């Protein structure tokens, strides 16, 4: 009589069986690197873009709008891309 275990089977498959090989590891590194670089770019380039506006109040509002848009895009990319390559 076979012994039934309460443990789930391991989801880790060999690279040959999963069809992904080692490419997933390199893609994951690239995606994480690009996500981190995007934070740096948003931190420095968006205020530079807003500083070109002559009126301070309008510059602040445009910076807040740009930062909010960047944060929403970053969250979407985390949900979509990071989960895919994690």
N, C-alpha and C. Protein backbone atom coordinates (compact mmCIF):
# COMPACT_ATOMS: atom_id res chain seq x y z
N UNK A 1 0.84 -1.17 0.00
CA UNK A 1 0.00 0.00 0.00
C UNK A 1 0.90 1.24 0.00
N UNK A 2 0.68 2.19 -0.95
CA UNK A 2 1.53 3.37 -1.02
C UNK A 2 1.24 4.32 0.14
N UNK A 3 2.29 4.99 0.58
CA UNK A 3 2.17 5.93 1.67
C UNK A 3 1.87 7.31 1.08
N UNK A 4 0.81 7.92 1.53
CA UNK A 4 0.43 9.24 1.04
C UNK A 4 1.05 10.29 1.95
N UNK A 5 1.60 11.30 1.35
CA UNK A 5 2.23 12.36 2.12
C UNK A 5 1.37 13.61 2.05
N UNK A 6 1.39 14.38 3.11
CA UNK A 6 0.65 15.63 3.15
C UNK A 6 1.43 16.78 2.50
N UNK A 7 2.69 16.53 2.17
CA UNK A 7 3.52 17.57 1.55
C UNK A 7 3.22 17.68 0.07
N UNK A 8 3.32 18.92 -0.41
CA UNK A 8 3.14 19.13 -1.84
C UNK A 8 4.41 18.73 -2.56
N UNK A 9 4.23 18.33 -3.79
CA UNK A 9 5.39 18.00 -4.60
C UNK A 9 6.17 19.27 -4.92
N UNK A 10 7.46 19.12 -5.09
CA UNK A 10 8.30 20.26 -5.39
C UNK A 10 7.94 20.81 -6.76
N UNK A 11 7.83 22.13 -6.84
CA UNK A 11 7.51 22.76 -8.11
C UNK A 11 8.76 23.05 -8.93
N UNK A 12 9.92 22.83 -8.32
CA UNK A 12 11.17 23.08 -9.04
C UNK A 12 11.41 21.96 -10.03
N UNK A 13 11.52 22.33 -11.27
CA UNK A 13 11.79 21.37 -12.33
C UNK A 13 13.18 21.60 -12.87
N UNK A 14 13.67 20.61 -13.53
CA UNK A 14 14.97 20.78 -14.17
C UNK A 14 14.82 21.74 -15.34
N UNK A 15 15.89 22.46 -15.71
CA UNK A 15 15.79 23.42 -16.82
C UNK A 15 15.33 22.77 -18.12
N UNK A 16 15.70 21.53 -18.33
CA UNK A 16 15.30 20.86 -19.57
C UNK A 16 13.81 20.60 -19.59
N UNK A 17 13.23 20.30 -18.43
CA UNK A 17 11.81 20.00 -18.36
C UNK A 17 10.96 21.26 -18.37
N UNK A 18 11.45 22.32 -17.78
CA UNK A 18 10.64 23.53 -17.70
C UNK A 18 10.62 24.30 -19.03
N UNK A 19 11.61 24.06 -19.88
CA UNK A 19 11.65 24.74 -21.17
C UNK A 19 12.24 26.13 -21.10
N UNK A 20 12.63 26.57 -19.92
CA UNK A 20 13.14 27.93 -19.78
C UNK A 20 14.66 27.97 -19.76
N UNK A 21 15.29 26.95 -19.30
CA UNK A 21 16.74 26.93 -19.25
C UNK A 21 17.26 27.97 -18.28
N UNK A 22 18.43 28.48 -18.53
CA UNK A 22 19.02 29.50 -17.66
C UNK A 22 18.69 30.91 -18.14
N UNK A 23 17.95 31.02 -19.23
CA UNK A 23 17.60 32.35 -19.75
C UNK A 23 16.76 33.15 -18.75
N UNK A 24 15.93 32.47 -17.98
CA UNK A 24 15.07 33.17 -17.03
C UNK A 24 15.89 33.90 -15.99
N UNK A 25 17.00 33.32 -15.59
CA UNK A 25 17.87 33.95 -14.59
C UNK A 25 18.43 35.26 -15.15
N UNK A 26 18.89 35.24 -16.38
CA UNK A 26 19.45 36.45 -16.98
C UNK A 26 18.38 37.50 -17.22
N UNK A 27 17.20 37.08 -17.63
CA UNK A 27 16.11 38.03 -17.83
C UNK A 27 15.71 38.67 -16.51
N UNK A 28 15.69 37.87 -15.46
CA UNK A 28 15.31 38.41 -14.15
C UNK A 28 16.30 39.48 -13.71
N UNK A 29 17.59 39.21 -13.88
CA UNK A 29 18.61 40.19 -13.51
C UNK A 29 18.44 41.47 -14.31
N UNK A 30 18.18 41.35 -15.60
CA UNK A 30 18.02 42.53 -16.45
C UNK A 30 16.78 43.33 -16.06
N UNK A 31 15.69 42.64 -15.76
CA UNK A 31 14.46 43.34 -15.39
C UNK A 31 14.64 44.08 -14.07
N UNK A 32 15.26 43.43 -13.09
CA UNK A 32 15.48 44.08 -11.80
C UNK A 32 16.41 45.28 -11.96
N UNK A 33 17.42 45.13 -12.79
CA UNK A 33 18.36 46.23 -13.03
C UNK A 33 17.65 47.41 -13.70
N UNK A 34 16.82 47.14 -14.68
CA UNK A 34 16.10 48.22 -15.35
C UNK A 34 15.09 48.89 -14.43
N UNK A 35 14.46 48.13 -13.55
CA UNK A 35 13.53 48.73 -12.61
C UNK A 35 14.25 49.67 -11.64
N UNK A 36 15.43 49.28 -11.19
CA UNK A 36 16.18 50.14 -10.29
C UNK A 36 16.69 51.39 -11.02
N UNK A 37 17.12 51.23 -12.25
CA UNK A 37 17.57 52.38 -13.03
C UNK A 37 16.41 53.34 -13.29
N UNK A 38 15.22 52.80 -13.48
CA UNK A 38 14.07 53.67 -13.74
C UNK A 38 13.77 54.56 -12.53
N UNK A 39 14.00 54.05 -11.32
CA UNK A 39 13.80 54.88 -10.13
C UNK A 39 14.80 56.04 -10.13
N UNK A 40 16.05 55.73 -10.45
CA UNK A 40 17.07 56.78 -10.48
C UNK A 40 16.77 57.82 -11.55
N UNK A 41 16.36 57.36 -12.71
CA UNK A 41 16.04 58.30 -13.79
C UNK A 41 14.87 59.19 -13.41
N UNK A 42 13.84 58.60 -12.81
CA UNK A 42 12.67 59.40 -12.41
C UNK A 42 13.05 60.40 -11.33
N UNK A 43 13.96 60.02 -10.45
CA UNK A 43 14.34 60.91 -9.36
C UNK A 43 15.08 62.14 -9.85
N UNK A 44 15.90 61.98 -10.89
CA UNK A 44 16.72 63.10 -11.35
C UNK A 44 16.18 63.78 -12.60
N UNK A 45 15.61 63.05 -13.52
CA UNK A 45 15.19 63.65 -14.78
C UNK A 45 13.84 64.36 -14.70
N UNK A 46 12.93 63.85 -13.90
CA UNK A 46 11.63 64.50 -13.80
C UNK A 46 11.71 65.89 -13.16
N UNK A 47 12.49 66.09 -12.10
CA UNK A 47 12.63 67.48 -11.61
C UNK A 47 13.32 68.39 -12.62
N UNK A 48 14.24 67.85 -13.41
CA UNK A 48 14.86 68.67 -14.45
C UNK A 48 13.83 69.11 -15.49
N UNK A 49 12.94 68.21 -15.84
CA UNK A 49 11.90 68.56 -16.81
C UNK A 49 10.94 69.60 -16.23
N UNK A 50 10.61 69.46 -14.95
CA UNK A 50 9.70 70.42 -14.32
C UNK A 50 10.36 71.77 -14.08
N UNK A 51 11.67 71.80 -13.95
CA UNK A 51 12.37 73.06 -13.68
C UNK A 51 12.37 74.00 -14.88
N UNK A 52 12.06 73.50 -16.05
CA UNK A 52 12.04 74.35 -17.24
C UNK A 52 10.83 75.28 -17.27
N UNK A 53 9.83 74.97 -16.47
CA UNK A 53 8.63 75.80 -16.42
C UNK A 53 8.95 77.06 -15.63
N UNK A 54 8.51 78.20 -16.13
CA UNK A 54 8.87 79.50 -15.53
C UNK A 54 8.13 79.77 -14.22
N UNK A 55 6.89 79.33 -14.12
CA UNK A 55 6.09 79.63 -12.94
C UNK A 55 6.29 78.52 -11.89
N UNK A 56 6.68 78.88 -10.67
CA UNK A 56 7.00 77.88 -9.65
C UNK A 56 5.83 76.96 -9.28
N UNK A 57 4.64 77.55 -9.17
CA UNK A 57 3.48 76.72 -8.79
C UNK A 57 3.15 75.71 -9.88
N UNK A 58 3.22 76.14 -11.11
CA UNK A 58 2.95 75.24 -12.23
C UNK A 58 4.04 74.17 -12.33
N UNK A 59 5.28 74.55 -12.04
CA UNK A 59 6.38 73.59 -12.06
C UNK A 59 6.18 72.52 -11.00
N UNK A 60 5.75 72.94 -9.80
CA UNK A 60 5.49 71.98 -8.73
C UNK A 60 4.36 71.04 -9.09
N UNK A 61 3.29 71.58 -9.64
CA UNK A 61 2.16 70.74 -10.03
C UNK A 61 2.54 69.76 -11.14
N UNK A 62 3.32 70.25 -12.09
CA UNK A 62 3.72 69.34 -13.16
C UNK A 62 4.68 68.26 -12.63
N UNK A 63 5.54 68.63 -11.68
CA UNK A 63 6.43 67.63 -11.08
C UNK A 63 5.64 66.59 -10.30
N UNK A 64 4.66 67.03 -9.54
CA UNK A 64 3.84 66.08 -8.79
C UNK A 64 3.08 65.15 -9.72
N UNK A 65 2.56 65.69 -10.81
CA UNK A 65 1.86 64.86 -11.78
C UNK A 65 2.80 63.87 -12.44
N UNK A 66 3.98 64.33 -12.82
CA UNK A 66 4.96 63.43 -13.43
C UNK A 66 5.42 62.34 -12.47
N UNK A 67 5.67 62.70 -11.21
CA UNK A 67 6.09 61.70 -10.23
C UNK A 67 4.98 60.70 -9.94
N UNK A 68 3.74 61.17 -9.87
CA UNK A 68 2.62 60.25 -9.66
C UNK A 68 2.50 59.28 -10.83
N UNK A 69 2.64 59.79 -12.05
CA UNK A 69 2.58 58.93 -13.23
C UNK A 69 3.72 57.92 -13.23
N UNK A 70 4.91 58.36 -12.87
CA UNK A 70 6.06 57.46 -12.82
C UNK A 70 5.85 56.37 -11.77
N UNK A 71 5.30 56.73 -10.61
CA UNK A 71 5.06 55.75 -9.56
C UNK A 71 4.01 54.73 -9.98
N UNK A 72 2.96 55.17 -10.64
CA UNK A 72 1.93 54.24 -11.11
C UNK A 72 2.51 53.30 -12.16
N UNK A 73 3.28 53.85 -13.08
CA UNK A 73 3.92 53.00 -14.10
C UNK A 73 4.88 52.01 -13.45
N UNK A 74 5.61 52.45 -12.45
CA UNK A 74 6.54 51.57 -11.75
C UNK A 74 5.79 50.44 -11.06
N UNK A 75 4.67 50.75 -10.43
CA UNK A 75 3.87 49.72 -9.77
C UNK A 75 3.31 48.72 -10.77
N UNK A 76 2.86 49.21 -11.91
CA UNK A 76 2.35 48.31 -12.95
C UNK A 76 3.46 47.41 -13.47
N UNK A 77 4.64 47.99 -13.71
CA UNK A 77 5.76 47.17 -14.18
C UNK A 77 6.16 46.13 -13.15
N UNK A 78 6.10 46.49 -11.86
CA UNK A 78 6.42 45.51 -10.83
C UNK A 78 5.43 44.36 -10.85
N UNK A 79 4.16 44.68 -10.98
CA UNK A 79 3.15 43.64 -10.98
C UNK A 79 3.28 42.76 -12.22
N UNK A 80 3.47 43.38 -13.36
CA UNK A 80 3.48 42.62 -14.62
C UNK A 80 4.84 41.96 -14.88
N UNK A 81 5.89 42.74 -14.93
CA UNK A 81 7.19 42.20 -15.34
C UNK A 81 7.90 41.45 -14.23
N UNK A 82 7.92 42.00 -13.04
CA UNK A 82 8.69 41.36 -11.98
C UNK A 82 8.09 40.00 -11.61
N UNK A 83 6.76 39.92 -11.58
CA UNK A 83 6.13 38.62 -11.30
C UNK A 83 6.41 37.63 -12.42
N UNK A 84 6.48 38.12 -13.63
CA UNK A 84 6.71 37.22 -14.76
C UNK A 84 8.12 36.61 -14.73
N UNK A 85 9.12 37.40 -14.36
CA UNK A 85 10.49 36.93 -14.38
C UNK A 85 11.01 36.54 -12.99
N UNK A 86 10.18 36.61 -11.98
CA UNK A 86 10.63 36.25 -10.63
C UNK A 86 10.70 34.75 -10.42
